[in-house]
């Protein structure tokens, strides 16, 4: 009945090597970027209990940021700490594409800061993976 495979899914070495990490990284970073652009473009208004709420017309984007926060933390964290290329390439491609998207939306200071952070993410992920793989190589 059981073909020797575990019925439980886990993040092991085989799953880190799967190609679906690349589009997953791009989609998750894109969702977080699109949602964050609502705060960049619409600004932040004081909420009824204090704090920051999205301006009128940008409520959907604030919900996207809220819903994408945990997947973004997981995918970007995996992309920055993995030594396998698919998660790293997903984060790098997502950061580069979303950095370009951010620059097409405007050239204000908040746009430039967000684009710089995304470009830094797209450079940092492959650099860390390369260093991690180089350090793990036997000499």
C-alpha atoms as a PDB file:
ATOM      1  CA  UNK A   1       0.000   0.000   0.000  1.00  0.00           C
ATOM      2  CA  UNK A   2       2.675   2.520   0.982  1.00  0.00           C
ATOM      3  CA  UNK A   3       5.397   2.676  -1.656  1.00  0.00           C
ATOM      4  CA  UNK A   4       8.081   3.590   0.872  1.00  0.00           C
ATOM      5  CA  UNK A   5       7.378   7.294   0.638  1.00  0.00           C
ATOM      6  CA  UNK A   6       6.409   9.243   3.681  1.00  0.00           C
ATOM      7  CA  UNK A   7       2.847  10.514   3.613  1.00  0.00           C
ATOM      8  CA  UNK A   8       3.866  13.628   5.539  1.00  0.00           C
ATOM      9  CA  UNK A   9       5.258  16.567   3.635  1.00  0.00           C
ATOM     10  CA  UNK A  10       8.355  18.261   5.007  1.00  0.00           C
ATOM     11  CA  UNK A  11      10.922  20.772   3.906  1.00  0.00           C
ATOM     12  CA  UNK A  12      13.857  18.504   3.299  1.00  0.00           C
ATOM     13  CA  UNK A  13      16.670  18.699   0.784  1.00  0.00           C
ATOM     14  CA  UNK A  14      14.490  17.249  -1.988  1.00  0.00           C
ATOM     15  CA  UNK A  15      11.824  19.930  -1.551  1.00  0.00           C
ATOM     16  CA  UNK A  16      14.373  22.757  -1.522  1.00  0.00           C
ATOM     17  CA  UNK A  17      15.540  21.585  -4.964  1.00  0.00           C
ATOM     18  CA  UNK A  18      12.083  21.791  -6.555  1.00  0.00           C
ATOM     19  CA  UNK A  19      11.563  24.230  -9.412  1.00  0.00           C
ATOM     20  CA  UNK A  20       8.280  25.579  -8.002  1.00  0.00           C
ATOM     21  CA  UNK A  21      10.303  27.744  -5.603  1.00  0.00           C
ATOM     22  CA  UNK A  22      11.150  30.171  -8.414  1.00  0.00           C
ATOM     23  CA  UNK A  23       7.581  31.214  -9.341  1.00  0.00           C
ATOM     24  CA  UNK A  24       6.546  31.025  -5.686  1.00  0.00           C
ATOM     25  CA  UNK A  25       9.263  33.512  -4.754  1.00  0.00           C
ATOM     26  CA  UNK A  26       8.306  35.860  -7.572  1.00  0.00           C
ATOM     27  CA  UNK A  27       4.576  35.761  -6.758  1.00  0.00           C
ATOM     28  CA  UNK A  28       5.015  36.235  -3.004  1.00  0.00           C
ATOM     29  CA  UNK A  29       7.464  39.130  -3.374  1.00  0.00           C
ATOM     30  CA  UNK A  30       5.178  40.666  -6.031  1.00  0.00           C
ATOM     31  CA  UNK A  31       2.140  40.465  -3.733  1.00  0.00           C
ATOM     32  CA  UNK A  32       4.006  42.065  -0.852  1.00  0.00           C
ATOM     33  CA  UNK A  33       5.393  44.779  -3.129  1.00  0.00           C
ATOM     34  CA  UNK A  34       2.024  45.573  -4.709  1.00  0.00           C
ATOM     35  CA  UNK A  35       0.437  45.813  -1.281  1.00  0.00           C
ATOM     36  CA  UNK A  36       3.232  47.972   0.089  1.00  0.00           C
ATOM     37  CA  UNK A  37       2.928  50.311  -2.867  1.00  0.00           C
ATOM     38  CA  UNK A  38      -0.486  51.274  -1.460  1.00  0.00           C
ATOM     39  CA  UNK A  39       1.242  52.805   1.543  1.00  0.00           C
ATOM     40  CA  UNK A  40       3.888  54.434  -0.657  1.00  0.00           C
ATOM     41  CA  UNK A  41       1.372  55.947  -3.068  1.00  0.00           C
ATOM     42  CA  UNK A  42      -1.612  56.513  -0.787  1.00  0.00           C
ATOM     43  CA  UNK A  43       0.176  57.386   2.396  1.00  0.00           C
ATOM     44  CA  UNK A  44      -0.735  56.451   5.902  1.00  0.00           C
ATOM     45  CA  UNK A  45      -3.625  57.892   7.884  1.00  0.00           C
ATOM     46  CA  UNK A  46      -4.101  57.714  11.642  1.00  0.00           C
ATOM     47  CA  UNK A  47      -6.512  54.939  12.555  1.00  0.00           C
ATOM     48  CA  UNK A  48      -9.363  55.075  15.081  1.00  0.00           C
ATOM     49  CA  UNK A  49      -7.157  53.439  17.748  1.00  0.00           C
ATOM     50  CA  UNK A  50      -3.962  55.102  16.597  1.00  0.00           C
ATOM     51  CA  UNK A  51      -1.426  53.539  14.319  1.00  0.00           C
ATOM     52  CA  UNK A  52      -1.311  53.569  10.565  1.00  0.00           C
ATOM     53  CA  UNK A  53      -4.180  52.612   8.266  1.00  0.00           C
ATOM     54  CA  UNK A  54      -4.300  52.789   4.483  1.00  0.00           C
ATOM     55  CA  UNK A  55      -5.702  55.882   2.844  1.00  0.00           C
ATOM     56  CA  UNK A  56      -9.104  55.774   1.189  1.00  0.00           C
ATOM     57  CA  UNK A  57      -8.968  53.738  -1.995  1.00  0.00           C
ATOM     58  CA  UNK A  58      -6.003  51.637  -0.839  1.00  0.00           C
ATOM     59  CA  UNK A  59      -7.768  49.308   1.626  1.00  0.00           C
ATOM     60  CA  UNK A  60      -7.386  46.262  -0.657  1.00  0.00           C
ATOM     61  CA  UNK A  61      -3.644  46.794  -0.789  1.00  0.00           C
ATOM     62  CA  UNK A  62      -3.412  46.930   2.991  1.00  0.00           C
ATOM     63  CA  UNK A  63      -5.228  43.582   3.189  1.00  0.00           C
ATOM     64  CA  UNK A  64      -2.797  42.115   0.669  1.00  0.00           C
ATOM     65  CA  UNK A  65       0.124  43.260   2.831  1.00  0.00           C
ATOM     66  CA  UNK A  66      -1.565  41.742   5.869  1.00  0.00           C
ATOM     67  CA  UNK A  67      -2.253  38.410   4.154  1.00  0.00           C
ATOM     68  CA  UNK A  68       1.128  38.222   2.397  1.00  0.00           C
ATOM     69  CA  UNK A  69       3.239  39.031   5.444  1.00  0.00           C
ATOM     70  CA  UNK A  70       3.726  35.477   6.732  1.00  0.00           C
ATOM     71  CA  UNK A  71       4.289  33.838   3.318  1.00  0.00           C
ATOM     72  CA  UNK A  72       6.742  36.626   2.493  1.00  0.00           C
ATOM     73  CA  UNK A  73       8.628  36.065   5.728  1.00  0.00           C
ATOM     74  CA  UNK A  74       8.826  32.327   5.045  1.00  0.00           C
ATOM     75  CA  UNK A  75       9.782  32.521   1.352  1.00  0.00           C
ATOM     76  CA  UNK A  76      12.279  35.366   1.692  1.00  0.00           C
ATOM     77  CA  UNK A  77      13.765  33.779   4.814  1.00  0.00           C
ATOM     78  CA  UNK A  78      14.149  30.503   2.958  1.00  0.00           C
ATOM     79  CA  UNK A  79      15.660  32.279  -0.040  1.00  0.00           C
ATOM     80  CA  UNK A  80      18.204  34.052   2.155  1.00  0.00           C
ATOM     81  CA  UNK A  81      19.191  30.977   4.174  1.00  0.00           C
ATOM     82  CA  UNK A  82      19.029  28.160   1.620  1.00  0.00           C
ATOM     83  CA  UNK A  83      22.016  26.788  -0.199  1.00  0.00           C
ATOM     84  CA  UNK A  84      19.868  25.385  -3.028  1.00  0.00           C
ATOM     85  CA  UNK A  85      19.326  27.586  -6.059  1.00  0.00           C
ATOM     86  CA  UNK A  86      15.530  27.422  -6.692  1.00  0.00           C
ATOM     87  CA  UNK A  87      14.463  29.344  -3.537  1.00  0.00           C
ATOM     88  CA  UNK A  88      17.331  31.777  -4.010  1.00  0.00           C
ATOM     89  CA  UNK A  89      16.500  32.429  -7.651  1.00  0.00           C
ATOM     90  CA  UNK A  90      12.835  32.977  -6.792  1.00  0.00           C
ATOM     91  CA  UNK A  91      13.691  35.668  -4.267  1.00  0.00           C
ATOM     92  CA  UNK A  92      16.295  37.230  -6.567  1.00  0.00           C
ATOM     93  CA  UNK A  93      13.975  37.310  -9.594  1.00  0.00           C
ATOM     94  CA  UNK A  94      11.098  38.624  -7.487  1.00  0.00           C
ATOM     95  CA  UNK A  95      13.257  41.363  -5.988  1.00  0.00           C
ATOM     96  CA  UNK A  96      14.602  42.483  -9.361  1.00  0.00           C
ATOM     97  CA  UNK A  97      11.214  42.416 -11.108  1.00  0.00           C
ATOM     98  CA  UNK A  98       9.460  44.206  -8.254  1.00  0.00           C
ATOM     99  CA  UNK A  99      12.251  46.785  -8.017  1.00  0.00           C
ATOM    100  CA  UNK A 100      11.710  47.613 -11.678  1.00  0.00           C
ATOM    101  CA  UNK A 101       7.930  47.724 -11.129  1.00  0.00           C
ATOM    102  CA  UNK A 102       8.410  50.132  -8.238  1.00  0.00           C
ATOM    103  CA  UNK A 103      10.516  52.451 -10.376  1.00  0.00           C
ATOM    104  CA  UNK A 104       7.863  52.483 -13.103  1.00  0.00           C
ATOM    105  CA  UNK A 105       5.296  53.686 -10.567  1.00  0.00           C
ATOM    106  CA  UNK A 106       7.203  56.816  -9.559  1.00  0.00           C
ATOM    107  CA  UNK A 107      10.515  58.370  -8.626  1.00  0.00           C
ATOM    108  CA  UNK A 108       9.695  59.880  -5.254  1.00  0.00           C
ATOM    109  CA  UNK A 109      11.934  59.204  -2.262  1.00  0.00           C
ATOM    110  CA  UNK A 110       9.690  56.387  -0.898  1.00  0.00           C
ATOM    111  CA  UNK A 111       9.647  54.736  -4.335  1.00  0.00           C
ATOM    112  CA  UNK A 112      13.432  54.903  -4.568  1.00  0.00           C
ATOM    113  CA  UNK A 113      13.893  53.515  -1.057  1.00  0.00           C
ATOM    114  CA  UNK A 114      11.565  50.613  -1.767  1.00  0.00           C
ATOM    115  CA  UNK A 115      13.255  49.884  -5.111  1.00  0.00           C
ATOM    116  CA  UNK A 116      16.705  50.012  -3.490  1.00  0.00           C
ATOM    117  CA  UNK A 117      15.602  47.539  -0.800  1.00  0.00           C
ATOM    118  CA  UNK A 118      14.213  45.171  -3.435  1.00  0.00           C
ATOM    119  CA  UNK A 119      17.362  45.393  -5.563  1.00  0.00           C
ATOM    120  CA  UNK A 120      19.480  44.782  -2.449  1.00  0.00           C
ATOM    121  CA  UNK A 121      17.382  41.684  -1.740  1.00  0.00           C
ATOM    122  CA  UNK A 122      17.887  40.433  -5.300  1.00  0.00           C
ATOM    123  CA  UNK A 123      21.664  40.786  -4.957  1.00  0.00           C
ATOM    124  CA  UNK A 124      21.967  39.534  -1.378  1.00  0.00           C
ATOM    125  CA  UNK A 125      20.145  36.215  -1.834  1.00  0.00           C
ATOM    126  CA  UNK A 126      22.441  34.751  -4.538  1.00  0.00           C
ATOM    127  CA  UNK A 127      25.527  36.161  -2.844  1.00  0.00           C
ATOM    128  CA  UNK A 128      24.682  34.455   0.453  1.00  0.00           C
ATOM    129  CA  UNK A 129      23.877  31.175  -1.279  1.00  0.00           C
ATOM    130  CA  UNK A 130      27.107  31.283  -3.249  1.00  0.00           C
ATOM    131  CA  UNK A 131      29.139  31.947  -0.097  1.00  0.00           C
ATOM    132  CA  UNK A 132      27.299  29.194   1.789  1.00  0.00           C
ATOM    133  CA  UNK A 133      27.921  26.667  -0.999  1.00  0.00           C
ATOM    134  CA  UNK A 134      31.565  27.729  -1.299  1.00  0.00           C
ATOM    135  CA  UNK A 135      32.107  27.326   2.453  1.00  0.00           C
ATOM    136  CA  UNK A 136      30.512  23.864   2.420  1.00  0.00           C
ATOM    137  CA  UNK A 137      32.806  22.573  -0.352  1.00  0.00           C
ATOM    138  CA  UNK A 138      35.549  20.290   0.872  1.00  0.00           C
ATOM    139  CA  UNK A 139      39.010  21.499   0.004  1.00  0.00           C
END
